[in-house]
């Protein structure tokens, strides 16, 4: 099937993070056309921009890579890397021109998918990540593990800034998904923290630019 069919199918999928944004933008375009055709043209340009920013990205052939690798879940710039006594953290910052979809960084089950209300302070403020609104998604890599927060869990923390206030994820808890599946969307200029178990060896450094489903962030060997 052609791209228009694929776009329509993805846009109407209730589990697609891009679905609400695309439908809402398309509805505004129709309204603008009836109000004033030139305004409809502006709306059409906005729709094309939304399609560009939420287009499902082409990625690596995952059948040829190490299944233990953790891929970048989002396009963006790595702004910091650090470690605590419990995990390693990689922070990726969205750029204006990058895709806004958040993808599964590995195969696994969504154990927790919750939104935590908060402020929308600039990321430059030291404690912004703890005070700002955020969405936490915990991925359990061990299908046999029933309880969350196991040693192999991968956590994605999407947190908003003054401009990134849409931290949406329609994916239900309990779903088993493969690497590269869209699970959330972060608009407009947000940050994401990837929390990894300590045994993972990082394959990126601060200042690197990541491409979702292509850049390998870390591996177990």
N, C-alpha and C. Protein backbone atom coordinates (compact mmCIF):
# COMPACT_ATOMS: atom_id res chain seq x y z
N UNK A 1 0.83 -1.19 0.00
CA UNK A 1 0.00 0.00 0.00
C UNK A 1 0.87 1.26 0.00
N UNK A 2 0.32 2.35 -0.50
CA UNK A 2 1.07 3.58 -0.58
C UNK A 2 1.12 4.32 0.74
N UNK A 3 1.90 5.39 0.76
CA UNK A 3 2.07 6.17 1.98
C UNK A 3 0.78 6.82 2.46
N UNK A 4 -0.10 7.33 1.56
CA UNK A 4 -1.36 7.91 2.05
C UNK A 4 -2.18 6.91 2.88
N UNK A 5 -2.22 5.65 2.44
CA UNK A 5 -2.94 4.62 3.19
C UNK A 5 -2.28 4.38 4.55
N UNK A 6 -0.93 4.28 4.55
CA UNK A 6 -0.21 4.06 5.80
C UNK A 6 -0.42 5.23 6.76
N UNK A 7 -0.41 6.45 6.21
CA UNK A 7 -0.61 7.63 7.04
C UNK A 7 -2.00 7.62 7.67
N UNK A 8 -3.02 7.30 6.87
CA UNK A 8 -4.39 7.28 7.37
C UNK A 8 -4.56 6.19 8.42
N UNK A 9 -3.98 5.03 8.17
CA UNK A 9 -4.08 3.92 9.12
C UNK A 9 -3.45 4.27 10.45
N UNK A 10 -2.27 4.87 10.39
CA UNK A 10 -1.57 5.26 11.63
C UNK A 10 -2.30 6.39 12.34
N UNK A 11 -2.85 7.34 11.57
CA UNK A 11 -3.52 8.49 12.17
C UNK A 11 -4.78 8.09 12.91
N UNK A 12 -5.45 7.02 12.45
CA UNK A 12 -6.71 6.59 13.07
C UNK A 12 -6.52 5.50 14.11
N UNK A 13 -5.29 5.06 14.31
CA UNK A 13 -5.00 4.03 15.30
C UNK A 13 -5.09 4.63 16.70
N UNK A 14 -5.96 4.08 17.54
CA UNK A 14 -6.16 4.64 18.88
C UNK A 14 -4.92 4.52 19.75
N UNK A 15 -4.00 3.64 19.40
CA UNK A 15 -2.76 3.48 20.16
C UNK A 15 -1.61 4.27 19.55
N UNK A 16 -1.91 5.08 18.52
CA UNK A 16 -0.87 5.89 17.89
C UNK A 16 -0.74 7.22 18.62
N UNK A 17 0.46 7.56 19.13
CA UNK A 17 0.64 8.84 19.83
C UNK A 17 0.35 10.05 18.95
N UNK A 18 0.54 9.91 17.64
CA UNK A 18 0.35 11.04 16.74
C UNK A 18 -1.10 11.27 16.36
N UNK A 19 -1.96 10.29 16.63
CA UNK A 19 -3.35 10.34 16.19
C UNK A 19 -4.09 11.60 16.65
N UNK A 20 -4.11 11.96 17.94
CA UNK A 20 -4.87 13.16 18.35
C UNK A 20 -4.37 14.45 17.70
N UNK A 21 -3.04 14.58 17.58
CA UNK A 21 -2.47 15.80 17.02
C UNK A 21 -2.84 15.94 15.55
N UNK A 22 -2.76 14.84 14.81
CA UNK A 22 -3.06 14.89 13.38
C UNK A 22 -4.54 15.17 13.12
N UNK A 23 -5.41 14.50 13.88
CA UNK A 23 -6.84 14.70 13.69
C UNK A 23 -7.26 16.12 14.06
N UNK A 24 -6.73 16.63 15.17
CA UNK A 24 -7.06 17.98 15.60
C UNK A 24 -6.59 19.01 14.58
N UNK A 25 -5.37 18.84 14.08
CA UNK A 25 -4.85 19.78 13.09
C UNK A 25 -5.66 19.71 11.80
N UNK A 26 -6.01 18.50 11.35
CA UNK A 26 -6.82 18.34 10.15
C UNK A 26 -8.19 18.97 10.29
N UNK A 27 -8.77 18.87 11.49
CA UNK A 27 -10.09 19.47 11.74
C UNK A 27 -10.02 20.99 11.64
N UNK A 28 -8.94 21.57 12.16
CA UNK A 28 -8.77 23.02 12.06
C UNK A 28 -8.62 23.46 10.61
N UNK A 29 -7.93 22.64 9.81
CA UNK A 29 -7.76 22.98 8.39
C UNK A 29 -9.11 23.06 7.70
N UNK A 30 -9.98 22.09 7.96
CA UNK A 30 -11.32 22.07 7.35
C UNK A 30 -12.12 23.31 7.77
N UNK A 31 -12.04 23.65 9.05
CA UNK A 31 -12.76 24.83 9.54
C UNK A 31 -12.22 26.11 8.90
N UNK A 32 -10.89 26.21 8.81
CA UNK A 32 -10.27 27.40 8.23
C UNK A 32 -10.66 27.58 6.76
N UNK A 33 -10.78 26.46 6.03
CA UNK A 33 -11.16 26.54 4.61
C UNK A 33 -12.54 27.16 4.46
N UNK A 34 -13.47 26.77 5.34
CA UNK A 34 -14.83 27.33 5.28
C UNK A 34 -14.86 28.79 5.71
N UNK A 35 -14.03 29.17 6.64
CA UNK A 35 -14.00 30.55 7.12
C UNK A 35 -13.40 31.48 6.07
N UNK A 36 -12.22 31.08 5.56
CA UNK A 36 -11.50 31.92 4.59
C UNK A 36 -10.45 31.04 3.91
N UNK A 37 -10.57 30.75 2.61
CA UNK A 37 -9.66 29.83 1.92
C UNK A 37 -8.18 30.12 2.13
N UNK A 38 -7.72 31.39 2.09
CA UNK A 38 -6.29 31.61 2.35
C UNK A 38 -5.86 31.14 3.74
N UNK A 39 -6.78 31.27 4.70
CA UNK A 39 -6.48 30.79 6.05
C UNK A 39 -6.36 29.27 6.05
N UNK A 40 -7.17 28.64 5.19
CA UNK A 40 -7.09 27.19 5.05
C UNK A 40 -5.74 26.75 4.52
N UNK A 41 -5.15 27.58 3.64
CA UNK A 41 -3.82 27.27 3.11
C UNK A 41 -2.77 27.30 4.22
N UNK A 42 -2.91 28.28 5.11
CA UNK A 42 -1.99 28.36 6.25
C UNK A 42 -2.16 27.11 7.13
N UNK A 43 -3.42 26.71 7.34
CA UNK A 43 -3.68 25.51 8.12
C UNK A 43 -3.11 24.26 7.48
N UNK A 44 -3.17 24.20 6.14
CA UNK A 44 -2.61 23.06 5.43
C UNK A 44 -1.11 22.98 5.62
N UNK A 45 -0.45 24.13 5.59
CA UNK A 45 0.99 24.14 5.84
C UNK A 45 1.30 23.65 7.25
N UNK A 46 0.45 24.04 8.21
CA UNK A 46 0.63 23.57 9.58
C UNK A 46 0.45 22.05 9.67
N UNK A 47 -0.52 21.53 8.92
CA UNK A 47 -0.76 20.08 8.90
C UNK A 47 0.45 19.35 8.33
N UNK A 48 1.02 19.87 7.26
CA UNK A 48 2.21 19.26 6.67
C UNK A 48 3.37 19.27 7.65
N UNK A 49 3.48 20.35 8.43
CA UNK A 49 4.53 20.45 9.44
C UNK A 49 4.33 19.38 10.53
N UNK A 50 3.07 19.19 10.94
CA UNK A 50 2.75 18.18 11.95
C UNK A 50 3.06 16.78 11.42
N UNK A 51 2.70 16.53 10.15
CA UNK A 51 2.99 15.23 9.54
C UNK A 51 4.49 14.97 9.52
N UNK A 52 5.26 15.99 9.19
CA UNK A 52 6.72 15.87 9.15
C UNK A 52 7.29 15.54 10.53
N UNK A 53 6.77 16.20 11.56
CA UNK A 53 7.30 16.03 12.91
C UNK A 53 6.82 14.74 13.58
N UNK A 54 5.76 14.13 13.05
CA UNK A 54 5.22 12.91 13.66
C UNK A 54 5.27 11.73 12.71
N UNK A 55 6.07 11.83 11.67
CA UNK A 55 6.18 10.74 10.71
C UNK A 55 6.97 9.59 11.31
N UNK A 56 6.47 8.36 11.10
CA UNK A 56 7.16 7.19 11.64
C UNK A 56 8.53 7.08 10.99
N UNK A 57 9.62 7.14 11.77
CA UNK A 57 10.96 7.20 11.19
C UNK A 57 11.45 5.86 10.65
N UNK A 58 12.21 5.95 9.58
CA UNK A 58 12.88 4.76 9.05
C UNK A 58 14.05 4.44 9.98
N UNK A 59 14.22 3.16 10.27
CA UNK A 59 15.26 2.79 11.22
C UNK A 59 16.14 1.66 10.74
N UNK A 60 16.96 1.18 11.65
CA UNK A 60 17.88 0.08 11.38
C UNK A 60 17.12 -1.23 11.25
N UNK A 61 17.64 -2.14 10.45
CA UNK A 61 17.08 -3.49 10.36
C UNK A 61 17.40 -4.20 11.67
N UNK A 62 16.41 -4.30 12.55
CA UNK A 62 16.64 -4.80 13.90
C UNK A 62 16.94 -6.29 13.94
N UNK A 63 16.68 -7.00 12.85
CA UNK A 63 16.99 -8.43 12.83
C UNK A 63 18.49 -8.69 12.75
N UNK A 64 19.26 -7.64 12.44
CA UNK A 64 20.70 -7.80 12.27
C UNK A 64 21.50 -7.17 13.41
N UNK A 65 20.83 -6.76 14.49
CA UNK A 65 21.54 -6.10 15.57
C UNK A 65 21.44 -6.94 16.84
N UNK A 66 22.25 -6.58 17.82
CA UNK A 66 22.25 -7.27 19.11
C UNK A 66 20.94 -6.98 19.84
N UNK A 67 20.19 -8.02 20.23
CA UNK A 67 18.90 -7.79 20.90
C UNK A 67 19.04 -7.12 22.27
N UNK A 68 20.25 -7.09 22.82
CA UNK A 68 20.46 -6.46 24.12
C UNK A 68 20.76 -4.96 24.00
N UNK A 69 20.89 -4.47 22.77
CA UNK A 69 21.18 -3.05 22.58
C UNK A 69 19.97 -2.19 22.95
N UNK A 70 20.26 -1.01 23.48
CA UNK A 70 19.23 -0.03 23.79
C UNK A 70 19.36 1.12 22.79
N UNK A 71 18.30 1.34 22.01
CA UNK A 71 18.32 2.36 20.97
C UNK A 71 17.78 3.69 21.50
N UNK A 72 18.18 4.76 20.83
CA UNK A 72 17.65 6.07 21.18
C UNK A 72 16.14 6.09 20.94
N UNK A 73 15.36 6.53 21.93
CA UNK A 73 13.91 6.57 21.75
C UNK A 73 13.42 7.83 21.06
N UNK A 74 14.32 8.80 20.87
CA UNK A 74 13.91 10.10 20.35
C UNK A 74 15.06 10.75 19.60
N UNK A 75 14.74 11.49 18.54
CA UNK A 75 15.75 12.31 17.87
C UNK A 75 16.13 13.47 18.79
N UNK A 76 17.40 13.79 18.85
CA UNK A 76 17.80 14.94 19.65
C UNK A 76 19.26 14.91 20.05
N UNK A 77 19.65 15.90 20.83
CA UNK A 77 21.03 16.09 21.25
C UNK A 77 21.22 15.59 22.68
N UNK A 78 22.25 14.78 22.90
CA UNK A 78 22.56 14.33 24.26
C UNK A 78 23.21 15.49 25.00
N UNK A 79 22.52 15.94 26.04
CA UNK A 79 23.02 17.11 26.78
C UNK A 79 23.75 16.74 28.06
N UNK A 80 23.52 15.54 28.58
CA UNK A 80 24.25 15.13 29.78
C UNK A 80 24.17 13.62 29.96
N UNK A 81 25.19 13.09 30.61
CA UNK A 81 25.25 11.67 30.99
C UNK A 81 25.81 11.59 32.40
N UNK A 82 25.13 10.88 33.28
CA UNK A 82 25.64 10.70 34.63
C UNK A 82 25.19 9.37 35.20
N UNK A 83 25.62 9.08 36.39
CA UNK A 83 25.28 7.81 37.03
C UNK A 83 25.08 8.00 38.52
N UNK A 84 24.18 7.20 39.10
CA UNK A 84 23.96 7.18 40.54
C UNK A 84 24.28 5.77 41.03
N UNK A 85 23.93 5.50 42.26
CA UNK A 85 24.18 4.16 42.82
C UNK A 85 23.22 3.12 42.28
N UNK A 86 22.16 3.57 41.57
CA UNK A 86 21.14 2.63 41.10
C UNK A 86 21.01 2.55 39.58
N UNK A 87 21.44 3.60 38.86
CA UNK A 87 21.23 3.60 37.41
C UNK A 87 22.17 4.58 36.71
N UNK A 88 22.20 4.44 35.38
CA UNK A 88 22.87 5.41 34.53
C UNK A 88 21.79 6.22 33.80
N UNK A 89 22.06 7.51 33.62
CA UNK A 89 21.05 8.38 33.01
C UNK A 89 21.63 9.10 31.79
N UNK A 90 20.87 9.04 30.71
CA UNK A 90 21.20 9.77 29.50
C UNK A 90 20.07 10.76 29.23
N UNK A 91 20.39 12.03 29.07
CA UNK A 91 19.38 13.05 28.80
C UNK A 91 19.50 13.51 27.35
N UNK A 92 18.36 13.47 26.65
CA UNK A 92 18.30 13.90 25.26
C UNK A 92 17.34 15.08 25.16
N UNK A 93 17.79 16.12 24.45
CA UNK A 93 16.98 17.32 24.27
C UNK A 93 16.48 17.39 22.83
N UNK A 94 15.18 17.64 22.68
CA UNK A 94 14.62 17.80 21.34
C UNK A 94 15.15 19.07 20.69
N UNK A 95 15.24 19.03 19.36
CA UNK A 95 15.56 20.21 18.58
C UNK A 95 14.29 20.61 17.82
N UNK A 96 14.25 21.84 17.34
CA UNK A 96 13.05 22.35 16.67
C UNK A 96 12.68 21.50 15.46
N UNK A 97 13.67 21.02 14.73
CA UNK A 97 13.43 20.33 13.46
C UNK A 97 13.31 18.82 13.61
N UNK A 98 13.48 18.28 14.82
CA UNK A 98 13.52 16.83 14.97
C UNK A 98 12.13 16.22 15.15
N UNK A 99 12.03 14.92 14.86
CA UNK A 99 10.80 14.17 15.02
C UNK A 99 10.37 14.18 16.49
N UNK A 100 9.07 14.26 16.74
CA UNK A 100 8.56 14.39 18.10
C UNK A 100 8.06 13.07 18.70
N UNK A 101 8.10 11.99 17.93
CA UNK A 101 7.63 10.71 18.44
C UNK A 101 8.66 10.10 19.40
N UNK A 102 8.16 9.39 20.41
CA UNK A 102 9.00 8.62 21.32
C UNK A 102 8.79 7.15 21.00
N UNK A 103 9.89 6.44 20.73
CA UNK A 103 9.82 5.05 20.32
C UNK A 103 10.33 4.11 21.42
N UNK A 104 9.89 2.87 21.35
CA UNK A 104 10.41 1.85 22.27
C UNK A 104 11.91 1.70 22.04
N UNK A 105 12.73 1.82 23.11
CA UNK A 105 14.18 1.69 22.94
C UNK A 105 14.65 0.23 22.90
N UNK A 106 13.73 -0.69 23.24
CA UNK A 106 14.06 -2.11 23.31
C UNK A 106 12.76 -2.91 23.30
N UNK A 107 12.87 -4.21 23.16
CA UNK A 107 11.69 -5.06 23.30
C UNK A 107 11.30 -5.12 24.77
N UNK A 108 10.01 -5.17 25.05
CA UNK A 108 9.60 -5.28 26.45
C UNK A 108 8.13 -5.01 26.65
N UNK A 109 7.75 -4.97 27.91
CA UNK A 109 6.36 -4.74 28.30
C UNK A 109 6.25 -3.42 29.05
N UNK A 110 5.22 -2.65 28.74
CA UNK A 110 4.97 -1.38 29.44
C UNK A 110 4.35 -1.71 30.81
N UNK A 111 5.15 -1.57 31.87
CA UNK A 111 4.64 -1.86 33.21
C UNK A 111 3.99 -0.64 33.85
N UNK A 112 4.56 0.53 33.62
CA UNK A 112 4.02 1.76 34.19
C UNK A 112 4.03 2.84 33.11
N UNK A 113 2.91 3.54 33.00
CA UNK A 113 2.79 4.67 32.08
C UNK A 113 1.92 5.71 32.77
N UNK A 114 2.54 6.68 33.42
CA UNK A 114 1.78 7.63 34.22
C UNK A 114 2.26 9.06 34.01
N UNK A 115 1.33 9.99 34.18
CA UNK A 115 1.63 11.41 34.08
C UNK A 115 1.68 12.01 35.48
N UNK A 116 2.71 12.80 35.75
CA UNK A 116 2.87 13.47 37.04
C UNK A 116 2.79 14.96 36.81
N UNK A 117 1.82 15.62 37.41
CA UNK A 117 1.63 17.05 37.22
C UNK A 117 2.77 17.84 37.85
N UNK A 118 3.00 19.03 37.34
CA UNK A 118 4.08 19.85 37.88
C UNK A 118 4.18 21.18 37.16
N UNK A 119 5.34 21.82 37.27
CA UNK A 119 5.57 23.13 36.66
C UNK A 119 6.09 22.96 35.24
N UNK A 120 6.36 24.07 34.59
CA UNK A 120 6.95 24.06 33.25
C UNK A 120 8.06 25.11 33.22
N UNK A 121 9.13 24.79 33.93
CA UNK A 121 10.26 25.71 34.05
C UNK A 121 11.29 25.42 32.96
N UNK A 122 12.13 26.40 32.63
CA UNK A 122 13.18 26.19 31.63
C UNK A 122 14.14 25.07 32.05
N UNK A 123 14.59 24.24 31.11
CA UNK A 123 15.48 23.12 31.45
C UNK A 123 16.80 23.55 32.07
N UNK A 124 17.21 24.82 31.85
CA UNK A 124 18.49 25.29 32.39
C UNK A 124 18.48 25.40 33.91
N UNK A 125 17.30 25.50 34.49
CA UNK A 125 17.22 25.57 35.95
C UNK A 125 17.62 24.21 36.52
N UNK A 126 18.53 24.15 37.50
CA UNK A 126 19.10 22.88 37.98
C UNK A 126 18.06 21.83 38.39
N UNK A 127 17.02 22.23 39.09
CA UNK A 127 16.05 21.26 39.60
C UNK A 127 14.78 21.19 38.76
N UNK A 128 14.84 21.65 37.51
CA UNK A 128 13.65 21.67 36.65
C UNK A 128 13.10 20.27 36.42
N UNK A 129 13.99 19.28 36.27
CA UNK A 129 13.52 17.92 35.96
C UNK A 129 12.74 17.30 37.11
N UNK A 130 12.96 17.77 38.34
CA UNK A 130 12.23 17.23 39.48
C UNK A 130 10.96 18.01 39.78
N UNK A 131 10.90 19.27 39.32
CA UNK A 131 9.73 20.11 39.60
C UNK A 131 8.73 20.15 38.45
N UNK A 132 9.21 19.94 37.23
CA UNK A 132 8.33 20.08 36.07
C UNK A 132 7.41 18.88 35.90
N UNK A 133 6.34 19.12 35.13
CA UNK A 133 5.43 18.02 34.78
C UNK A 133 6.20 16.98 33.99
N UNK A 134 5.85 15.72 34.19
CA UNK A 134 6.59 14.65 33.53
C UNK A 134 5.69 13.45 33.28
N UNK A 135 6.08 12.63 32.33
CA UNK A 135 5.45 11.33 32.09
C UNK A 135 6.52 10.27 32.25
N UNK A 136 6.23 9.28 33.08
CA UNK A 136 7.19 8.21 33.31
C UNK A 136 6.67 6.92 32.69
N UNK A 137 7.52 6.31 31.87
CA UNK A 137 7.19 5.04 31.23
C UNK A 137 8.27 4.03 31.61
N UNK A 138 7.86 2.95 32.28
CA UNK A 138 8.80 1.92 32.70
C UNK A 138 8.61 0.69 31.83
N UNK A 139 9.70 0.24 31.21
CA UNK A 139 9.67 -0.90 30.30
C UNK A 139 10.36 -2.08 30.96
N UNK A 140 9.63 -3.16 31.09
CA UNK A 140 10.17 -4.38 31.68
C UNK A 140 10.69 -5.26 30.55
N UNK A 141 11.99 -5.47 30.51
CA UNK A 141 12.59 -6.27 29.44
C UNK A 141 12.40 -7.77 29.65
N UNK A 142 12.16 -8.17 30.89
CA UNK A 142 12.00 -9.59 31.23
C UNK A 142 10.52 -9.95 31.19
N UNK A 143 10.10 -10.66 30.17
CA UNK A 143 8.67 -11.01 30.01
C UNK A 143 8.17 -11.90 31.14
N UNK A 144 9.07 -12.60 31.82
CA UNK A 144 8.65 -13.50 32.89
C UNK A 144 8.54 -12.78 34.23
N UNK A 145 9.04 -11.58 34.29
CA UNK A 145 9.00 -10.80 35.54
C UNK A 145 7.63 -10.15 35.68
N UNK A 146 6.93 -10.46 36.77
CA UNK A 146 5.58 -9.94 36.97
C UNK A 146 5.62 -8.54 37.58
N UNK A 147 6.40 -8.35 38.61
CA UNK A 147 6.42 -7.07 39.31
C UNK A 147 7.31 -6.07 38.59
N UNK A 148 6.95 -4.77 38.63
CA UNK A 148 7.80 -3.74 38.01
C UNK A 148 9.03 -3.45 38.84
N UNK A 149 9.87 -2.55 38.34
CA UNK A 149 11.08 -2.10 39.03
C UNK A 149 12.09 -3.22 39.22
N UNK A 150 12.16 -4.16 38.29
CA UNK A 150 13.17 -5.20 38.35
C UNK A 150 14.51 -4.60 37.92
N UNK A 151 15.57 -5.38 38.07
CA UNK A 151 16.90 -4.87 37.76
C UNK A 151 17.11 -4.60 36.27
N UNK A 152 16.25 -5.15 35.43
CA UNK A 152 16.42 -4.97 34.00
C UNK A 152 15.50 -3.91 33.42
N UNK A 153 14.76 -3.20 34.25
CA UNK A 153 13.83 -2.18 33.76
C UNK A 153 14.56 -1.02 33.09
N UNK A 154 13.93 -0.50 32.04
CA UNK A 154 14.38 0.72 31.38
C UNK A 154 13.31 1.78 31.62
N UNK A 155 13.71 2.92 32.14
CA UNK A 155 12.75 3.98 32.43
C UNK A 155 12.94 5.15 31.47
N UNK A 156 11.83 5.64 30.93
CA UNK A 156 11.84 6.85 30.11
C UNK A 156 11.06 7.92 30.87
N UNK A 157 11.69 9.05 31.11
CA UNK A 157 11.03 10.16 31.80
C UNK A 157 10.98 11.34 30.85
N UNK A 158 9.77 11.63 30.37
CA UNK A 158 9.55 12.77 29.49
C UNK A 158 9.15 13.96 30.35
N UNK A 159 9.89 15.01 30.31
CA UNK A 159 9.49 16.16 31.12
C UNK A 159 9.43 17.43 30.30
N UNK A 160 8.43 18.22 30.63
CA UNK A 160 8.09 19.38 29.83
C UNK A 160 8.86 20.62 30.22
N UNK A 161 8.92 21.54 29.28
CA UNK A 161 9.53 22.86 29.47
C UNK A 161 8.44 23.89 29.22
N UNK A 162 8.76 25.18 29.24
CA UNK A 162 7.72 26.19 28.97
C UNK A 162 6.99 25.97 27.65
N UNK A 163 7.65 25.35 26.67
CA UNK A 163 7.03 25.14 25.36
C UNK A 163 6.55 23.70 25.18
N UNK A 164 7.14 22.76 25.87
CA UNK A 164 6.75 21.35 25.72
C UNK A 164 5.77 20.96 26.81
N UNK A 165 4.49 21.12 26.50
CA UNK A 165 3.45 20.86 27.50
C UNK A 165 2.54 19.70 27.11
N UNK A 166 2.86 19.05 26.03
CA UNK A 166 2.03 17.94 25.57
C UNK A 166 2.85 16.66 25.69
N UNK A 167 2.64 15.93 26.78
CA UNK A 167 3.40 14.71 27.07
C UNK A 167 2.43 13.53 27.02
N UNK A 168 2.02 13.17 25.81
CA UNK A 168 0.93 12.21 25.65
C UNK A 168 1.44 10.81 25.32
N UNK A 169 0.72 9.82 25.84
CA UNK A 169 1.02 8.42 25.51
C UNK A 169 -0.26 7.60 25.68
N UNK A 170 -0.85 7.15 24.57
CA UNK A 170 -2.08 6.37 24.64
C UNK A 170 -1.84 4.87 24.85
N UNK A 171 -0.58 4.46 24.93
CA UNK A 171 -0.25 3.04 25.03
C UNK A 171 -0.63 2.52 26.42
N UNK A 172 -1.37 1.43 26.45
CA UNK A 172 -1.87 0.87 27.70
C UNK A 172 -0.78 0.08 28.43
N UNK A 173 -0.84 0.12 29.76
CA UNK A 173 0.08 -0.68 30.57
C UNK A 173 -0.21 -2.16 30.35
N UNK A 174 0.84 -2.93 30.32
CA UNK A 174 0.70 -4.37 30.11
C UNK A 174 0.97 -4.81 28.68
N UNK A 175 1.06 -3.85 27.75
CA UNK A 175 1.31 -4.20 26.34
C UNK A 175 2.76 -4.60 26.13
N UNK A 176 2.96 -5.66 25.36
CA UNK A 176 4.29 -6.10 24.96
C UNK A 176 4.57 -5.56 23.56
N UNK A 177 5.65 -4.80 23.44
CA UNK A 177 5.96 -4.12 22.18
C UNK A 177 7.40 -4.38 21.77
N UNK A 178 7.66 -4.21 20.49
CA UNK A 178 9.01 -4.43 19.97
C UNK A 178 9.72 -3.09 19.82
N UNK A 179 11.01 -3.17 19.68
CA UNK A 179 11.85 -1.99 19.51
C UNK A 179 11.38 -1.14 18.33
N UNK A 180 11.29 0.16 18.55
CA UNK A 180 10.93 1.07 17.48
C UNK A 180 9.46 1.40 17.38
N UNK A 181 8.61 0.77 18.21
CA UNK A 181 7.18 1.06 18.19
C UNK A 181 6.91 2.43 18.83
N UNK A 182 6.17 3.33 18.17
CA UNK A 182 5.85 4.62 18.78
C UNK A 182 5.00 4.43 20.04
N UNK A 183 5.40 5.04 21.15
CA UNK A 183 4.67 4.89 22.40
C UNK A 183 4.26 6.22 23.02
N UNK A 184 4.81 7.33 22.55
CA UNK A 184 4.48 8.63 23.15
C UNK A 184 4.85 9.73 22.18
N UNK A 185 4.42 10.94 22.52
CA UNK A 185 4.78 12.12 21.74
C UNK A 185 5.07 13.26 22.70
N UNK A 186 6.07 14.04 22.37
CA UNK A 186 6.53 15.12 23.25
C UNK A 186 6.64 16.40 22.42
N UNK A 187 5.76 17.37 22.71
CA UNK A 187 5.74 18.64 22.01
C UNK A 187 6.01 19.77 23.00
N UNK A 188 6.70 20.83 22.60
CA UNK A 188 7.32 21.09 21.32
C UNK A 188 8.83 20.93 21.42
N UNK A 189 9.39 21.35 22.56
CA UNK A 189 10.84 21.30 22.74
C UNK A 189 11.10 20.74 24.13
N UNK A 190 10.97 19.42 24.26
CA UNK A 190 11.08 18.79 25.57
C UNK A 190 12.39 18.05 25.79
N UNK A 191 12.48 17.45 26.95
CA UNK A 191 13.65 16.67 27.34
C UNK A 191 13.19 15.26 27.71
N UNK A 192 14.07 14.30 27.52
CA UNK A 192 13.77 12.93 27.94
C UNK A 192 14.99 12.36 28.64
N UNK A 193 14.75 11.72 29.77
CA UNK A 193 15.81 11.01 30.49
C UNK A 193 15.61 9.52 30.29
N UNK A 194 16.68 8.83 29.90
CA UNK A 194 16.64 7.37 29.79
C UNK A 194 17.45 6.81 30.95
N UNK A 195 16.80 6.06 31.83
CA UNK A 195 17.47 5.47 32.98
C UNK A 195 17.76 4.01 32.68
N UNK A 196 19.03 3.63 32.76
CA UNK A 196 19.48 2.29 32.41
C UNK A 196 20.09 1.60 33.62
N UNK A 197 20.00 0.26 33.69
CA UNK A 197 20.70 -0.48 34.75
C UNK A 197 22.20 -0.23 34.68
N UNK A 198 22.87 -0.35 35.81
CA UNK A 198 24.29 -0.02 35.89
C UNK A 198 25.16 -0.93 35.03
N UNK A 199 24.71 -2.15 34.75
CA UNK A 199 25.55 -3.08 34.01
C UNK A 199 25.64 -2.74 32.51
N UNK A 200 24.83 -1.82 32.03
CA UNK A 200 24.90 -1.44 30.62
C UNK A 200 26.13 -0.57 30.36
N UNK A 201 26.76 -0.84 29.23
CA UNK A 201 27.91 -0.05 28.80
C UNK A 201 27.45 0.99 27.79
N UNK A 202 27.70 2.25 28.09
CA UNK A 202 27.26 3.34 27.22
C UNK A 202 28.10 3.39 25.94
N UNK A 203 27.43 3.70 24.83
CA UNK A 203 28.09 3.77 23.54
C UNK A 203 27.99 5.17 22.93
N UNK A 204 27.55 6.13 23.73
CA UNK A 204 27.44 7.51 23.28
C UNK A 204 28.07 8.41 24.33
N UNK A 205 28.24 9.66 23.97
CA UNK A 205 28.80 10.64 24.91
C UNK A 205 28.02 11.94 24.80
N UNK A 206 28.19 12.79 25.79
CA UNK A 206 27.51 14.08 25.78
C UNK A 206 27.94 14.89 24.57
N UNK A 207 26.95 15.48 23.87
CA UNK A 207 27.22 16.25 22.67
C UNK A 207 26.90 15.50 21.39
N UNK A 208 26.68 14.19 21.50
CA UNK A 208 26.31 13.40 20.32
C UNK A 208 24.87 13.70 19.92
N UNK A 209 24.58 13.61 18.62
CA UNK A 209 23.22 13.76 18.13
C UNK A 209 22.65 12.37 17.86
N UNK A 210 21.49 12.09 18.43
CA UNK A 210 20.88 10.77 18.32
C UNK A 210 19.76 10.76 17.29
N UNK A 211 19.60 9.62 16.65
CA UNK A 211 18.48 9.40 15.75
C UNK A 211 17.70 8.21 16.27
N UNK A 212 16.41 8.40 16.48
CA UNK A 212 15.56 7.35 17.04
C UNK A 212 15.61 6.09 16.19
N UNK A 213 15.74 4.96 16.87
CA UNK A 213 15.73 3.62 16.25
C UNK A 213 16.98 3.35 15.41
N UNK A 214 17.95 4.27 15.42
CA UNK A 214 19.19 4.05 14.70
C UNK A 214 20.40 4.11 15.62
N UNK A 215 20.44 5.13 16.49
CA UNK A 215 21.58 5.30 17.39
C UNK A 215 21.48 4.34 18.56
N UNK A 216 22.54 3.56 18.78
CA UNK A 216 22.59 2.65 19.93
C UNK A 216 23.15 3.42 21.12
N UNK A 217 22.35 3.54 22.17
CA UNK A 217 22.78 4.27 23.36
C UNK A 217 23.68 3.42 24.25
N UNK A 218 23.33 2.14 24.40
CA UNK A 218 24.06 1.29 25.33
C UNK A 218 23.85 -0.18 24.98
N UNK A 219 24.73 -1.00 25.50
CA UNK A 219 24.61 -2.44 25.32
C UNK A 219 25.09 -3.16 26.57
N UNK A 220 24.73 -4.40 26.70
CA UNK A 220 25.12 -5.16 27.91
C UNK A 220 26.52 -5.73 27.79
N UNK A 221 27.14 -5.60 26.61
CA UNK A 221 28.52 -6.08 26.46
C UNK A 221 29.28 -5.17 25.48
